[in-house]
Amino acid sequence: MKTFLLLLIAAFGYVQSDWSKCEVCAFILTGLREAYGDDAPSSLGPEALDNMICDTLAEDTSDKSSINLCYNLLKQVRRRGLMNEIMKLSPKYDSRTDKFCARKFDRAYCKA
């Protein structure tokens, strides 16, 4: 699973010190979509999954605000019950991911 998340960073093509809020949101949604897919380990609890996704992000950036945003967005996903909607998104990044990040959270993290 950790390997997939590292590959996800490569697929996004982002090797930078600061991620935009939209990029962080898209990374999280894509990571969640894949993590809860067919090969997700059943023993992976929410806290472990959050740490895995956000720690993977932290390997690519030292920007504390991006890492904090990662944890904040994952909390919002659970609090708002958004997992079913996330599972309907494409496992690959596309415009629907940006639209989701623009409309489903406490603020717009992407432009719709």
N, C-alpha and C. Protein backbone atom coordinates (compact mmCIF):
# COMPACT_ATOMS: atom_id res chain seq x y z
N MET A 1 0.83 -1.19 0.00
CA MET A 1 0.00 0.00 0.00
C MET A 1 0.88 1.25 0.00
N LYS A 2 1.91 1.25 0.83
CA LYS A 2 2.81 2.40 0.89
C LYS A 2 3.47 2.62 -0.46
N THR A 3 3.81 1.53 -1.15
CA THR A 3 4.41 1.64 -2.47
C THR A 3 3.46 2.34 -3.42
N PHE A 4 2.17 1.97 -3.35
CA PHE A 4 1.20 2.62 -4.22
C PHE A 4 1.18 4.12 -3.99
N LEU A 5 1.18 4.55 -2.73
CA LEU A 5 1.12 5.97 -2.44
C LEU A 5 2.35 6.70 -2.95
N LEU A 6 3.51 6.06 -2.86
CA LEU A 6 4.71 6.68 -3.42
C LEU A 6 4.62 6.78 -4.93
N LEU A 7 4.05 5.76 -5.56
CA LEU A 7 3.85 5.82 -7.01
C LEU A 7 2.83 6.89 -7.36
N LEU A 8 1.87 7.10 -6.49
CA LEU A 8 0.87 8.13 -6.72
C LEU A 8 1.53 9.50 -6.77
N ILE A 9 2.48 9.74 -5.90
CA ILE A 9 3.20 11.01 -5.93
C ILE A 9 3.92 11.16 -7.27
N ALA A 10 4.55 10.09 -7.72
CA ALA A 10 5.24 10.14 -9.01
C ALA A 10 4.25 10.37 -10.15
N ALA A 11 3.10 9.75 -10.07
CA ALA A 11 2.09 9.92 -11.12
C ALA A 11 1.59 11.35 -11.17
N PHE A 12 1.46 11.97 -10.02
CA PHE A 12 1.05 13.37 -10.00
C PHE A 12 2.15 14.25 -10.60
N GLY A 13 3.38 13.76 -10.55
CA GLY A 13 4.48 14.53 -11.10
C GLY A 13 4.90 15.69 -10.22
N TYR A 14 4.57 15.64 -8.97
CA TYR A 14 4.90 16.73 -8.07
C TYR A 14 6.13 16.37 -7.25
N VAL A 15 7.21 17.02 -7.55
CA VAL A 15 8.39 16.91 -6.72
C VAL A 15 8.74 18.35 -6.37
N GLN A 16 8.16 18.81 -5.30
CA GLN A 16 8.30 20.20 -4.93
C GLN A 16 8.24 20.33 -3.43
N SER A 17 8.65 21.47 -2.94
CA SER A 17 8.65 21.65 -1.49
C SER A 17 7.28 22.06 -0.97
N ASP A 18 6.50 22.79 -1.74
CA ASP A 18 5.19 23.24 -1.30
C ASP A 18 4.11 22.73 -2.25
N TRP A 19 3.13 22.09 -1.70
CA TRP A 19 2.00 21.61 -2.49
C TRP A 19 0.88 22.62 -2.35
N SER A 20 0.12 22.82 -3.43
CA SER A 20 -1.06 23.68 -3.32
C SER A 20 -2.14 22.91 -2.55
N LYS A 21 -3.10 23.64 -2.04
CA LYS A 21 -4.20 22.99 -1.31
C LYS A 21 -4.98 22.05 -2.23
N CYS A 22 -5.11 22.42 -3.49
CA CYS A 22 -5.81 21.57 -4.45
C CYS A 22 -5.04 20.26 -4.67
N GLU A 23 -3.73 20.35 -4.78
CA GLU A 23 -2.92 19.15 -4.97
C GLU A 23 -3.00 18.22 -3.77
N VAL A 24 -2.98 18.80 -2.57
CA VAL A 24 -3.10 17.98 -1.35
C VAL A 24 -4.45 17.28 -1.34
N CYS A 25 -5.51 18.00 -1.63
CA CYS A 25 -6.85 17.41 -1.63
C CYS A 25 -6.94 16.29 -2.67
N ALA A 26 -6.45 16.53 -3.87
CA ALA A 26 -6.50 15.52 -4.93
C ALA A 26 -5.69 14.28 -4.55
N PHE A 27 -4.53 14.49 -3.94
CA PHE A 27 -3.70 13.37 -3.49
C PHE A 27 -4.44 12.51 -2.48
N ILE A 28 -5.10 13.16 -1.53
CA ILE A 28 -5.83 12.44 -0.49
C ILE A 28 -6.99 11.64 -1.08
N LEU A 29 -7.77 12.27 -1.95
CA LEU A 29 -8.91 11.57 -2.54
C LEU A 29 -8.46 10.37 -3.36
N THR A 30 -7.42 10.56 -4.14
CA THR A 30 -6.91 9.46 -4.96
C THR A 30 -6.34 8.36 -4.09
N GLY A 31 -5.63 8.74 -3.03
CA GLY A 31 -5.09 7.75 -2.10
C GLY A 31 -6.18 6.98 -1.37
N LEU A 32 -7.21 7.68 -0.92
CA LEU A 32 -8.33 7.00 -0.26
C LEU A 32 -9.05 6.06 -1.21
N ARG A 33 -9.26 6.51 -2.42
CA ARG A 33 -9.96 5.70 -3.42
C ARG A 33 -9.21 4.39 -3.64
N GLU A 34 -7.92 4.48 -3.74
CA GLU A 34 -7.11 3.28 -3.96
C GLU A 34 -7.02 2.44 -2.69
N ALA A 35 -6.85 3.10 -1.55
CA ALA A 35 -6.70 2.37 -0.29
C ALA A 35 -7.94 1.57 0.06
N TYR A 36 -9.11 2.08 -0.26
CA TYR A 36 -10.35 1.37 0.03
C TYR A 36 -10.83 0.53 -1.14
N GLY A 37 -9.96 0.34 -2.11
CA GLY A 37 -10.29 -0.50 -3.26
C GLY A 37 -10.24 -1.97 -2.91
N ASP A 38 -10.17 -2.79 -3.92
CA ASP A 38 -10.24 -4.24 -3.76
C ASP A 38 -9.12 -4.82 -2.90
N ASP A 39 -7.93 -4.21 -2.94
CA ASP A 39 -6.80 -4.81 -2.24
C ASP A 39 -6.52 -4.16 -0.88
N ALA A 40 -7.48 -3.42 -0.35
CA ALA A 40 -7.27 -2.76 0.94
C ALA A 40 -7.23 -3.78 2.07
N PRO A 41 -6.23 -3.71 2.93
CA PRO A 41 -6.21 -4.62 4.08
C PRO A 41 -7.34 -4.30 5.04
N SER A 42 -8.05 -5.32 5.47
CA SER A 42 -9.21 -5.11 6.33
C SER A 42 -8.82 -4.63 7.73
N SER A 43 -7.59 -4.87 8.12
CA SER A 43 -7.15 -4.48 9.47
C SER A 43 -6.65 -3.04 9.54
N LEU A 44 -6.66 -2.33 8.43
CA LEU A 44 -6.16 -0.96 8.40
C LEU A 44 -7.23 -0.01 8.94
N GLY A 45 -7.01 0.49 10.14
CA GLY A 45 -7.97 1.39 10.77
C GLY A 45 -7.83 2.81 10.25
N PRO A 46 -8.78 3.67 10.59
CA PRO A 46 -8.76 5.05 10.10
C PRO A 46 -7.49 5.81 10.48
N GLU A 47 -7.04 5.66 11.72
CA GLU A 47 -5.85 6.39 12.14
C GLU A 47 -4.61 5.90 11.40
N ALA A 48 -4.49 4.60 11.22
CA ALA A 48 -3.35 4.04 10.48
C ALA A 48 -3.37 4.50 9.03
N LEU A 49 -4.55 4.52 8.44
CA LEU A 49 -4.68 4.98 7.05
C LEU A 49 -4.32 6.46 6.94
N ASP A 50 -4.82 7.28 7.86
CA ASP A 50 -4.49 8.70 7.86
C ASP A 50 -2.99 8.90 7.95
N ASN A 51 -2.35 8.19 8.88
CA ASN A 51 -0.90 8.31 9.05
C ASN A 51 -0.17 7.86 7.80
N MET A 52 -0.62 6.78 7.18
CA MET A 52 0.05 6.29 5.99
C MET A 52 -0.04 7.32 4.86
N ILE A 53 -1.22 7.88 4.63
CA ILE A 53 -1.39 8.85 3.55
C ILE A 53 -0.62 10.13 3.84
N CYS A 54 -0.77 10.66 5.02
CA CYS A 54 -0.12 11.94 5.35
C CYS A 54 1.39 11.79 5.53
N ASP A 55 1.85 10.65 6.03
CA ASP A 55 3.30 10.41 6.12
C ASP A 55 3.92 10.29 4.74
N THR A 56 3.18 9.70 3.81
CA THR A 56 3.67 9.61 2.43
C THR A 56 3.78 11.00 1.82
N LEU A 57 2.79 11.83 2.08
CA LEU A 57 2.85 13.22 1.62
C LEU A 57 4.05 13.92 2.25
N ALA A 58 4.28 13.67 3.53
CA ALA A 58 5.39 14.31 4.25
C ALA A 58 6.75 13.91 3.69
N GLU A 59 6.82 12.74 3.06
CA GLU A 59 8.08 12.32 2.44
C GLU A 59 8.41 13.18 1.23
N ASP A 60 7.40 13.83 0.66
CA ASP A 60 7.62 14.64 -0.54
C ASP A 60 7.68 16.14 -0.24
N THR A 61 7.20 16.55 0.91
CA THR A 61 7.21 17.98 1.23
C THR A 61 7.51 18.18 2.71
N SER A 62 8.17 19.26 2.99
CA SER A 62 8.41 19.62 4.40
C SER A 62 7.45 20.71 4.84
N ASP A 63 6.51 21.06 3.98
CA ASP A 63 5.54 22.11 4.26
C ASP A 63 4.53 21.63 5.30
N LYS A 64 4.67 22.14 6.51
CA LYS A 64 3.80 21.70 7.62
C LYS A 64 2.33 22.00 7.35
N SER A 65 2.04 23.10 6.66
CA SER A 65 0.64 23.43 6.41
C SER A 65 -0.01 22.41 5.47
N SER A 66 0.75 21.87 4.52
CA SER A 66 0.21 20.82 3.64
C SER A 66 -0.04 19.53 4.41
N ILE A 67 0.85 19.20 5.31
CA ILE A 67 0.70 17.98 6.11
C ILE A 67 -0.49 18.14 7.07
N ASN A 68 -0.62 19.30 7.69
CA ASN A 68 -1.77 19.56 8.57
C ASN A 68 -3.07 19.53 7.78
N LEU A 69 -3.06 20.08 6.57
CA LEU A 69 -4.25 20.05 5.72
C LEU A 69 -4.63 18.61 5.39
N CYS A 70 -3.65 17.77 5.18
CA CYS A 70 -3.90 16.35 4.91
C CYS A 70 -4.73 15.73 6.04
N TYR A 71 -4.28 15.89 7.25
CA TYR A 71 -5.01 15.32 8.40
C TYR A 71 -6.39 15.97 8.55
N ASN A 72 -6.46 17.28 8.33
CA ASN A 72 -7.74 17.99 8.44
C ASN A 72 -8.75 17.48 7.42
N LEU A 73 -8.32 17.30 6.19
CA LEU A 73 -9.24 16.82 5.15
C LEU A 73 -9.69 15.39 5.42
N LEU A 74 -8.80 14.55 5.91
CA LEU A 74 -9.20 13.18 6.23
C LEU A 74 -10.24 13.16 7.36
N LYS A 75 -10.10 14.06 8.33
CA LYS A 75 -11.11 14.16 9.39
C LYS A 75 -12.45 14.61 8.81
N GLN A 76 -12.40 15.56 7.89
CA GLN A 76 -13.64 16.03 7.27
C GLN A 76 -14.33 14.93 6.46
N VAL A 77 -13.53 14.11 5.79
CA VAL A 77 -14.10 12.99 5.02
C VAL A 77 -14.93 12.12 5.93
N ARG A 78 -14.40 11.78 7.09
CA ARG A 78 -15.13 10.91 8.02
C ARG A 78 -16.31 11.64 8.68
N ARG A 79 -16.08 12.87 9.10
CA ARG A 79 -17.13 13.63 9.78
C ARG A 79 -18.33 13.88 8.86
N ARG A 80 -18.08 14.11 7.60
CA ARG A 80 -19.15 14.40 6.65
C ARG A 80 -19.67 13.14 5.95
N GLY A 81 -19.06 12.00 6.22
CA GLY A 81 -19.51 10.75 5.60
C GLY A 81 -19.34 10.74 4.09
N LEU A 82 -18.17 11.13 3.62
CA LEU A 82 -17.94 11.29 2.19
C LEU A 82 -17.34 10.06 1.50
N MET A 83 -17.07 8.99 2.24
CA MET A 83 -16.38 7.85 1.63
C MET A 83 -17.15 7.25 0.45
N ASN A 84 -18.46 7.12 0.54
CA ASN A 84 -19.22 6.54 -0.57
C ASN A 84 -19.08 7.39 -1.83
N GLU A 85 -19.09 8.71 -1.67
CA GLU A 85 -18.92 9.59 -2.82
C GLU A 85 -17.50 9.49 -3.38
N ILE A 86 -16.52 9.37 -2.50
CA ILE A 86 -15.13 9.25 -2.94
C ILE A 86 -14.94 7.96 -3.73
N MET A 87 -15.59 6.90 -3.29
CA MET A 87 -15.46 5.61 -3.98
C MET A 87 -16.03 5.67 -5.40
N LYS A 88 -16.90 6.61 -5.69
CA LYS A 88 -17.46 6.76 -7.03
C LYS A 88 -16.54 7.55 -7.96
N LEU A 89 -15.55 8.23 -7.39
CA LEU A 89 -14.59 8.97 -8.20
C LEU A 89 -13.67 8.01 -8.94
N SER A 90 -13.06 8.49 -9.98
CA SER A 90 -12.06 7.70 -10.70
C SER A 90 -10.86 7.48 -9.79
N PRO A 91 -10.26 6.28 -9.84
CA PRO A 91 -9.05 6.07 -9.04
C PRO A 91 -7.86 6.88 -9.56
N LYS A 92 -8.01 7.46 -10.73
CA LYS A 92 -6.98 8.32 -11.30
C LYS A 92 -7.46 9.76 -11.20
N TYR A 93 -6.52 10.65 -11.09
CA TYR A 93 -6.84 12.07 -10.98
C TYR A 93 -7.52 12.56 -12.26
N ASP A 94 -8.64 13.26 -12.12
CA ASP A 94 -9.29 13.90 -13.26
C ASP A 94 -10.08 15.11 -12.78
N SER A 95 -10.83 15.74 -13.66
CA SER A 95 -11.54 16.97 -13.31
C SER A 95 -12.59 16.75 -12.22
N ARG A 96 -13.13 15.53 -12.11
CA ARG A 96 -14.10 15.25 -11.05
C ARG A 96 -13.47 15.36 -9.67
N THR A 97 -12.20 15.03 -9.59
CA THR A 97 -11.47 15.16 -8.33
C THR A 97 -11.41 16.63 -7.91
N ASP A 98 -11.07 17.51 -8.86
CA ASP A 98 -11.03 18.95 -8.58
C ASP A 98 -12.41 19.46 -8.16
N LYS A 99 -13.44 19.01 -8.85
CA LYS A 99 -14.81 19.45 -8.52
C LYS A 99 -15.19 19.01 -7.11
N PHE A 100 -14.82 17.80 -6.75
CA PHE A 100 -15.10 17.30 -5.40
C PHE A 100 -14.41 18.18 -4.37
N CYS A 101 -13.13 18.48 -4.61
CA CYS A 101 -12.36 19.32 -3.68
C CYS A 101 -12.90 20.75 -3.63
N ALA A 102 -13.57 21.18 -4.67
CA ALA A 102 -14.13 22.53 -4.71
C ALA A 102 -15.46 22.63 -3.98
N ARG A 103 -16.18 21.51 -3.84
CA ARG A 103 -17.56 21.59 -3.36
C ARG A 103 -17.88 20.84 -2.08
N LYS A 104 -17.12 19.86 -1.71
CA LYS A 104 -17.54 18.96 -0.64
C LYS A 104 -16.94 19.24 0.74
N PHE A 105 -15.99 20.14 0.82
CA PHE A 105 -15.34 20.40 2.10
C PHE A 105 -15.77 21.75 2.66
N ASP A 106 -15.24 22.09 3.83
CA ASP A 106 -15.65 23.33 4.49
C ASP A 106 -15.25 24.58 3.71
N ARG A 107 -14.38 24.43 2.75
CA ARG A 107 -14.01 25.51 1.84
C ARG A 107 -13.58 24.90 0.52
N ALA A 108 -13.50 25.70 -0.52
CA ALA A 108 -13.10 25.20 -1.84
C ALA A 108 -11.58 25.12 -1.89
N TYR A 109 -11.08 23.90 -2.05
CA TYR A 109 -9.63 23.71 -2.14
C TYR A 109 -9.15 23.71 -3.58
N CYS A 110 -10.06 23.58 -4.53
CA CYS A 110 -9.75 23.65 -5.95
C CYS A 110 -10.77 24.56 -6.61
N LYS A 111 -10.46 24.98 -7.82
CA LYS A 111 -11.43 25.74 -8.61
C LYS A 111 -12.27 24.74 -9.39
N ALA A 112 -13.56 24.93 -9.37
CA ALA A 112 -14.46 24.00 -10.06
C ALA A 112 -14.52 24.28 -11.54
